[in-house]
């Protein structure tokens, strides 16, 4: 499997299953409308091709976690001896903080390729095989509920 480096968010919130990435990829206007106020942007600004790409959500551009990992030349925070650091502990979304810590632990345990495979499998629709975002309650493609 070829790992798309642009999707390897240092914090462990793998971009391939990010709601912002899914809204942009699927041109999901309803999801963009839900996400925009959370990030303080307009729905048309909900566009991103990954935390390590040239096309990022403004929130990601200013992310202290992404900046710190870049300065330390780390693939991810799972490689940092300071984890969990102040950047992770002060991330503004509680549910994301919890998911980051779980994901980073798993990333460290499995290595990048296996972690990506496991993560994508967890967020793939069991009915049609579409890759969804981590908060999807139903498949955006076949409309069946996620189990």
Protein backbone atom coordinates (compact mmCIF):
# COMPACT_ATOMS: atom_id res chain seq x y z
CA UNK A 1 0.00 0.00 0.00
CA UNK A 2 1.26 3.47 -0.88
CA UNK A 3 0.76 5.83 2.04
CA UNK A 4 -0.25 9.33 0.97
CA UNK A 5 2.12 11.50 3.03
CA UNK A 6 -0.18 14.54 2.78
CA UNK A 7 -2.70 12.68 4.97
CA UNK A 8 -0.27 11.87 7.79
CA UNK A 9 -1.33 14.55 10.22
CA UNK A 10 1.32 14.63 12.94
CA UNK A 11 -1.36 14.61 15.66
CA UNK A 12 -2.74 11.24 14.55
CA UNK A 13 -6.04 12.58 13.19
CA UNK A 14 -5.37 10.83 9.89
CA UNK A 15 -6.57 13.19 7.14
CA UNK A 16 -8.03 10.53 4.86
CA UNK A 17 -10.87 10.05 7.36
CA UNK A 18 -11.16 13.71 8.42
CA UNK A 19 -14.62 15.26 8.14
CA UNK A 20 -13.15 18.38 6.50
CA UNK A 21 -11.33 16.27 3.91
CA UNK A 22 -14.50 14.21 3.29
CA UNK A 23 -16.67 17.33 2.88
CA UNK A 24 -14.18 18.72 0.36
CA UNK A 25 -13.61 15.43 -1.47
CA UNK A 26 -17.34 14.67 -1.76
CA UNK A 27 -18.40 18.32 -2.23
CA UNK A 28 -20.81 17.73 0.66
CA UNK A 29 -22.42 21.14 1.15
CA UNK A 30 -24.43 20.03 4.18
CA UNK A 31 -21.31 18.82 5.99
CA UNK A 32 -19.41 21.98 4.98
CA UNK A 33 -22.24 24.01 6.54
CA UNK A 34 -21.95 22.06 9.79
CA UNK A 35 -18.14 22.30 9.95
CA UNK A 36 -17.71 25.96 8.94
CA UNK A 37 -18.84 27.53 12.23
CA UNK A 38 -16.71 25.08 14.23
CA UNK A 39 -13.62 26.37 12.46
CA UNK A 40 -14.76 30.00 12.15
CA UNK A 41 -14.81 30.00 8.35
CA UNK A 42 -17.36 30.13 5.54
CA UNK A 43 -18.58 26.83 4.05
CA UNK A 44 -16.65 27.50 0.84
CA UNK A 45 -13.45 27.59 2.93
CA UNK A 46 -13.98 23.99 4.07
CA UNK A 47 -11.38 22.64 1.71
CA UNK A 48 -8.32 20.60 2.52
CA UNK A 49 -6.10 17.98 0.91
CA UNK A 50 -4.31 17.01 4.10
CA UNK A 51 -2.25 18.56 6.87
CA UNK A 52 0.95 18.14 4.88
CA UNK A 53 -0.41 19.45 1.58
CA UNK A 54 -0.33 22.89 0.03
CA UNK A 55 -4.15 23.14 0.27
CA UNK A 56 -5.13 23.25 3.94
CA UNK A 57 -7.98 24.50 6.04
CA UNK A 58 -6.87 27.79 7.68
CA UNK A 59 -7.17 26.06 11.08
CA UNK A 60 -4.60 23.45 9.98
CA UNK A 61 -2.25 26.11 8.62
CA UNK A 62 -1.97 27.63 12.10
CA UNK A 63 -1.95 24.35 14.03
CA UNK A 64 0.73 24.40 16.74
CA UNK A 65 0.96 20.59 16.67
CA UNK A 66 1.68 20.54 12.93
CA UNK A 67 4.20 23.38 13.29
CA UNK A 68 6.00 21.71 16.20
CA UNK A 69 6.29 18.34 14.42
CA UNK A 70 7.61 20.12 11.34
CA UNK A 71 10.23 21.98 13.37
CA UNK A 72 11.31 18.73 15.00
CA UNK A 73 11.24 16.95 11.60
CA UNK A 74 8.94 14.24 12.94
CA UNK A 75 6.54 12.19 10.87
CA UNK A 76 4.16 12.31 13.80
CA UNK A 77 3.89 13.10 17.48
CA UNK A 78 4.13 9.36 18.19
CA UNK A 79 7.89 9.82 17.68
CA UNK A 80 8.19 12.62 20.24
CA UNK A 81 9.41 12.03 23.77
CA UNK A 82 7.31 14.96 25.03
CA UNK A 83 3.95 13.34 24.23
CA UNK A 84 1.45 14.34 25.47
CA UNK A 85 2.78 17.86 25.27
CA UNK A 86 1.06 21.18 25.89
CA UNK A 87 0.11 21.48 22.23
CA UNK A 88 -1.89 18.25 22.37
CA UNK A 89 -3.30 18.93 25.84
CA UNK A 90 -4.55 22.36 24.75
CA UNK A 91 -6.09 21.29 21.42
CA UNK A 92 -9.48 23.03 21.35
CA UNK A 93 -11.68 19.98 20.66
CA UNK A 94 -11.91 17.49 23.55
CA UNK A 95 -13.10 14.54 21.46
CA UNK A 96 -10.22 15.11 19.04
CA UNK A 97 -7.69 15.20 21.91
CA UNK A 98 -8.88 11.80 23.10
CA UNK A 99 -8.78 10.40 19.57
CA UNK A 100 -5.30 11.84 18.99
CA UNK A 101 -3.85 10.12 22.02
CA UNK A 102 -5.42 6.77 21.10
CA UNK A 103 -4.32 7.10 17.46
CA UNK A 104 -0.77 8.12 18.34
CA UNK A 105 -0.38 5.16 20.66
CA UNK A 106 -1.62 2.83 17.93
CA UNK A 107 0.58 4.51 15.26
CA UNK A 108 3.63 4.00 17.46
CA UNK A 109 2.70 0.37 18.05
CA UNK A 110 1.90 -0.58 14.43
CA UNK A 111 4.12 1.66 12.33
CA UNK A 112 2.83 3.96 9.62
CA UNK A 113 1.64 1.57 6.92
CA UNK A 114 -0.23 -0.82 9.22
CA UNK A 115 -1.73 2.09 11.18
CA UNK A 116 -3.05 3.64 7.95
CA UNK A 117 -4.50 0.29 6.82
CA UNK A 118 -6.20 -0.22 10.20
CA UNK A 119 -7.55 3.34 10.30
CA UNK A 120 -8.97 3.25 6.78
CA UNK A 121 -10.53 -0.16 7.40
CA UNK A 122 -12.25 1.13 10.56
CA UNK A 123 -13.87 3.98 8.60
CA UNK A 124 -14.85 2.08 5.46
CA UNK A 125 -18.55 1.46 4.86
CA UNK A 126 -19.22 -2.25 5.38
CA UNK A 127 -22.03 -2.08 2.82
CA UNK A 128 -20.48 -0.39 -0.22
CA UNK A 129 -16.79 0.00 0.63
CA UNK A 130 -16.73 3.82 0.52
CA UNK A 131 -14.17 5.56 2.72
CA UNK A 132 -16.00 7.79 5.20
CA UNK A 133 -14.98 10.30 7.84
CA UNK A 134 -14.52 9.36 11.48
CA UNK A 135 -17.79 10.95 12.64
CA UNK A 136 -20.06 9.57 9.89
CA UNK A 137 -23.30 8.09 11.19
CA UNK A 138 -24.36 6.92 7.74
CA UNK A 139 -22.58 6.33 4.46
CA UNK A 140 -22.59 9.38 2.21
CA UNK A 141 -22.66 7.05 -0.80
CA UNK A 142 -25.13 4.20 -0.10
CA UNK A 143 -26.94 6.02 2.76
CA UNK A 144 -26.84 2.94 4.99
CA UNK A 145 -26.14 3.46 8.71
CA UNK A 146 -22.68 2.86 10.05
CA UNK A 147 -22.50 0.10 12.61
